[in-house]
Amino acid sequence: MVTLENIFSHWITKKYLQRSGIYHAITVAETAFSLARERDLNEEIAAKAALLHDVGHYEWYTDGKWNYDEYRKHDIHAIKGAERAHKLLIRLGEDRETAKEVSLCVLLHTDSYLPFALGSQRSPLQNAVWEADTLNEEEQGRHHYKKMERKEAVRRLQKLDEQIFPVENPHAGSV
């Protein structure tokens, strides 16, 4: 079983979530989980995809200053992120079908890199991840700069893991 905490603790995730923002990743994972639960969708895939949705971000600077407009013009982070997410999940021992579904959600969490809008082309699960991300966005990418301590992130992910992977009570049913 590959948990959200396992994913978050891996060096690849640590590296790339520093760029895209830990606060944003955790908040989107929580929102995607809730949307999936409300809509009777796969909560595990929604939360994993939402946690990893921005691992493809890169930094785009002009004269030493972050250039959001140039970044948006040349953005392919969803493509890069889908590849990184898949590779990471396979390394962690994730089921191949789950890794593929998570990667597709990462790929389709935005259509900013496409010359057309995806609209209703997304599956309900992919749409939940897109919606969770969209609900957390702020102008000029400010949502990527909100801070969260790693301890708080781990605590919140553990809480989600407990809901996704409930531990069976060994004393249930005993007299």
Protein backbone atom coordinates (compact mmCIF):
# COMPACT_ATOMS: atom_id res chain seq x y z
CA MET A 1 0.00 0.00 0.00
CA VAL A 2 1.43 3.37 -1.05
CA THR A 3 0.13 6.10 1.24
CA LEU A 4 0.04 9.85 0.75
CA GLU A 5 2.64 10.12 3.49
CA ASN A 6 4.92 7.68 1.58
CA ILE A 7 4.56 9.81 -1.54
CA PHE A 8 5.16 13.07 0.33
CA SER A 9 8.27 11.71 2.08
CA HIS A 10 10.04 10.66 -1.13
CA TRP A 11 12.94 12.91 -2.23
CA ILE A 12 11.39 13.50 -5.67
CA THR A 13 8.19 14.83 -4.12
CA LYS A 14 10.15 16.94 -1.63
CA LYS A 15 12.13 18.52 -4.44
CA TYR A 16 9.24 19.40 -6.71
CA LEU A 17 6.64 20.34 -4.11
CA GLN A 18 9.08 22.96 -2.82
CA ARG A 19 8.68 24.67 -6.21
CA SER A 20 4.93 24.39 -6.56
CA GLY A 21 4.05 24.84 -2.90
CA ILE A 22 3.39 22.34 -0.14
CA TYR A 23 0.36 24.28 1.13
CA HIS A 24 -1.23 24.21 -2.31
CA ALA A 25 -0.57 20.48 -2.82
CA ILE A 26 -2.00 19.49 0.57
CA THR A 27 -5.05 21.74 0.27
CA VAL A 28 -5.84 20.47 -3.22
CA ALA A 29 -5.42 16.86 -2.05
CA GLU A 30 -7.89 17.45 0.79
CA THR A 31 -10.38 19.13 -1.52
CA ALA A 32 -10.09 16.43 -4.20
CA PHE A 33 -10.60 13.75 -1.55
CA SER A 34 -13.77 15.50 -0.34
CA LEU A 35 -15.11 15.97 -3.87
CA ALA A 36 -14.41 12.32 -4.69
CA ARG A 37 -16.17 11.19 -1.51
CA GLU A 38 -19.22 13.37 -2.26
CA ARG A 39 -19.41 12.04 -5.83
CA ASP A 40 -18.68 8.40 -5.02
CA LEU A 41 -15.40 8.44 -6.96
CA ASN A 42 -12.08 6.81 -6.12
CA GLU A 43 -10.85 8.87 -3.15
CA GLU A 44 -7.37 7.33 -3.16
CA ILE A 45 -6.65 8.22 -6.79
CA ALA A 46 -8.16 11.69 -6.39
CA ALA A 47 -6.02 12.49 -3.34
CA LYS A 48 -2.81 11.06 -4.83
CA ALA A 49 -3.30 12.89 -8.13
CA ALA A 50 -4.12 16.14 -6.36
CA LEU A 51 -1.06 15.85 -4.13
CA LEU A 52 1.14 15.32 -7.21
CA HIS A 53 -0.70 17.55 -9.68
CA ASP A 54 2.03 20.21 -9.78
CA VAL A 55 5.21 18.09 -9.56
CA GLY A 56 5.96 19.11 -13.14
CA HIS A 57 6.38 22.81 -12.33
CA TYR A 58 9.60 24.48 -13.26
CA GLU A 59 10.94 27.93 -12.51
CA TRP A 60 10.84 30.65 -15.17
CA TYR A 61 12.91 33.70 -14.38
CA THR A 62 13.72 36.76 -16.48
CA ASP A 63 16.60 38.90 -15.24
CA GLY A 64 16.49 37.12 -11.87
CA LYS A 65 12.77 37.83 -11.32
CA TRP A 66 9.89 35.33 -11.54
CA ASN A 67 8.05 35.94 -14.80
CA TYR A 68 4.54 34.51 -14.43
CA ASP A 69 3.36 35.62 -17.89
CA GLU A 70 6.28 33.95 -19.66
CA TYR A 71 5.80 30.86 -17.54
CA ARG A 72 2.12 30.60 -18.52
CA LYS A 73 2.99 31.13 -22.18
CA HIS A 74 5.44 28.19 -22.21
CA ASP A 75 3.90 25.99 -19.50
CA ILE A 76 3.95 22.21 -19.95
CA HIS A 77 3.99 21.30 -16.24
CA ALA A 78 1.06 18.89 -16.56
CA ILE A 79 2.94 16.81 -19.14
CA LYS A 80 6.13 16.79 -17.09
CA GLY A 81 4.15 16.14 -13.89
CA ALA A 82 2.27 13.15 -15.30
CA GLU A 83 5.57 11.52 -16.22
CA ARG A 84 7.16 12.27 -12.84
CA ALA A 85 4.09 11.09 -10.93
CA HIS A 86 3.97 7.80 -12.82
CA LYS A 87 7.68 7.10 -12.37
CA LEU A 88 7.53 7.98 -8.66
CA LEU A 89 4.50 5.81 -7.97
CA ILE A 90 5.99 2.81 -9.77
CA ARG A 91 9.23 3.26 -7.77
CA LEU A 92 7.19 3.26 -4.57
CA GLY A 93 5.51 -0.02 -5.56
CA GLU A 94 2.14 1.38 -6.58
CA ASP A 95 -0.25 -0.80 -8.56
CA ARG A 96 0.32 -0.04 -12.26
CA GLU A 97 -3.32 0.73 -13.00
CA THR A 98 -3.51 3.15 -10.07
CA ALA A 99 -0.25 4.80 -11.18
CA LYS A 100 -1.68 5.24 -14.67
CA GLU A 101 -4.97 6.71 -13.42
CA VAL A 102 -3.16 9.12 -11.09
CA SER A 103 -0.89 10.19 -13.97
CA LEU A 104 -3.84 10.82 -16.28
CA CYS A 105 -5.46 13.01 -13.61
CA VAL A 106 -2.19 14.94 -13.28
CA LEU A 107 -1.95 15.31 -17.07
CA LEU A 108 -5.52 16.62 -17.35
CA HIS A 109 -5.71 18.78 -14.20
CA THR A 110 -5.22 21.79 -16.49
CA ASP A 111 -5.53 22.50 -20.18
CA SER A 112 -3.21 25.53 -20.10
CA TYR A 113 -0.70 23.72 -22.33
CA LEU A 114 -3.29 22.79 -24.95
CA PRO A 115 -4.54 24.93 -27.87
CA PHE A 116 -8.11 24.03 -26.87
CA ALA A 117 -10.18 23.67 -23.70
CA LEU A 118 -10.82 20.17 -22.36
CA GLY A 119 -14.21 21.04 -20.89
CA SER A 120 -16.37 17.92 -20.66
CA GLN A 121 -13.59 15.70 -22.06
CA ARG A 122 -12.35 14.90 -18.54
CA SER A 123 -13.66 11.88 -16.67
CA PRO A 124 -15.54 12.61 -13.41
CA LEU A 125 -12.40 11.71 -11.42
CA GLN A 126 -10.14 13.90 -13.57
CA ASN A 127 -12.69 16.68 -13.25
CA ALA A 128 -12.64 16.43 -9.44
CA VAL A 129 -8.85 16.96 -9.43
CA TRP A 130 -9.18 19.88 -11.88
CA GLU A 131 -11.95 21.41 -9.77
CA ALA A 132 -9.98 21.01 -6.52
CA ASP A 133 -7.00 22.79 -8.11
CA THR A 134 -9.17 25.52 -9.59
CA LEU A 135 -10.85 26.21 -6.24
CA ASN A 136 -7.43 26.86 -4.66
CA GLU A 137 -5.97 29.08 -7.39
CA GLU A 138 -5.14 32.75 -6.88
CA GLU A 139 -4.12 35.47 -9.35
CA GLN A 140 -0.57 35.44 -10.68
CA GLY A 141 0.06 32.01 -9.13
CA ARG A 142 0.08 33.33 -5.54
CA HIS A 143 -1.36 30.03 -4.29
CA HIS A 144 2.05 28.47 -4.96
CA TYR A 145 3.74 30.77 -2.43
CA LYS A 146 1.61 30.11 0.65
CA LYS A 147 3.67 28.36 3.31
CA MET A 148 3.05 25.23 5.35
CA GLU A 149 5.45 23.50 7.70
CA ARG A 150 6.35 19.93 6.71
CA LYS A 151 5.13 18.64 10.11
CA GLU A 152 1.69 20.15 9.47
CA ALA A 153 1.64 18.70 5.96
CA VAL A 154 2.48 15.21 7.27
CA ARG A 155 -0.20 15.49 9.97
CA ARG A 156 -2.85 16.44 7.41
CA LEU A 157 -1.77 13.69 5.00
CA GLN A 158 -1.85 11.11 7.80
CA LYS A 159 -5.43 12.18 8.50
CA LEU A 160 -6.33 11.63 4.83
CA ASP A 161 -4.49 8.28 4.80
CA GLU A 162 -6.56 7.15 7.79
CA GLN A 163 -9.72 7.86 5.82
CA ILE A 164 -8.47 6.25 2.61
CA PHE A 165 -6.87 3.22 4.28
CA PRO A 166 -8.86 2.56 7.46
CA VAL A 167 -7.08 0.16 9.77
CA GLU A 168 -9.21 -2.77 10.72
CA ASN A 169 -9.90 -2.93 14.43
CA PRO A 170 -8.33 -6.22 15.63
CA HIS A 171 -10.78 -6.29 18.55
CA ALA A 172 -13.92 -5.86 16.47
CA GLY A 173 -16.33 -8.70 16.93
CA SER A 174 -14.46 -10.23 19.88
CA VAL A 175 -16.25 -11.07 23.09
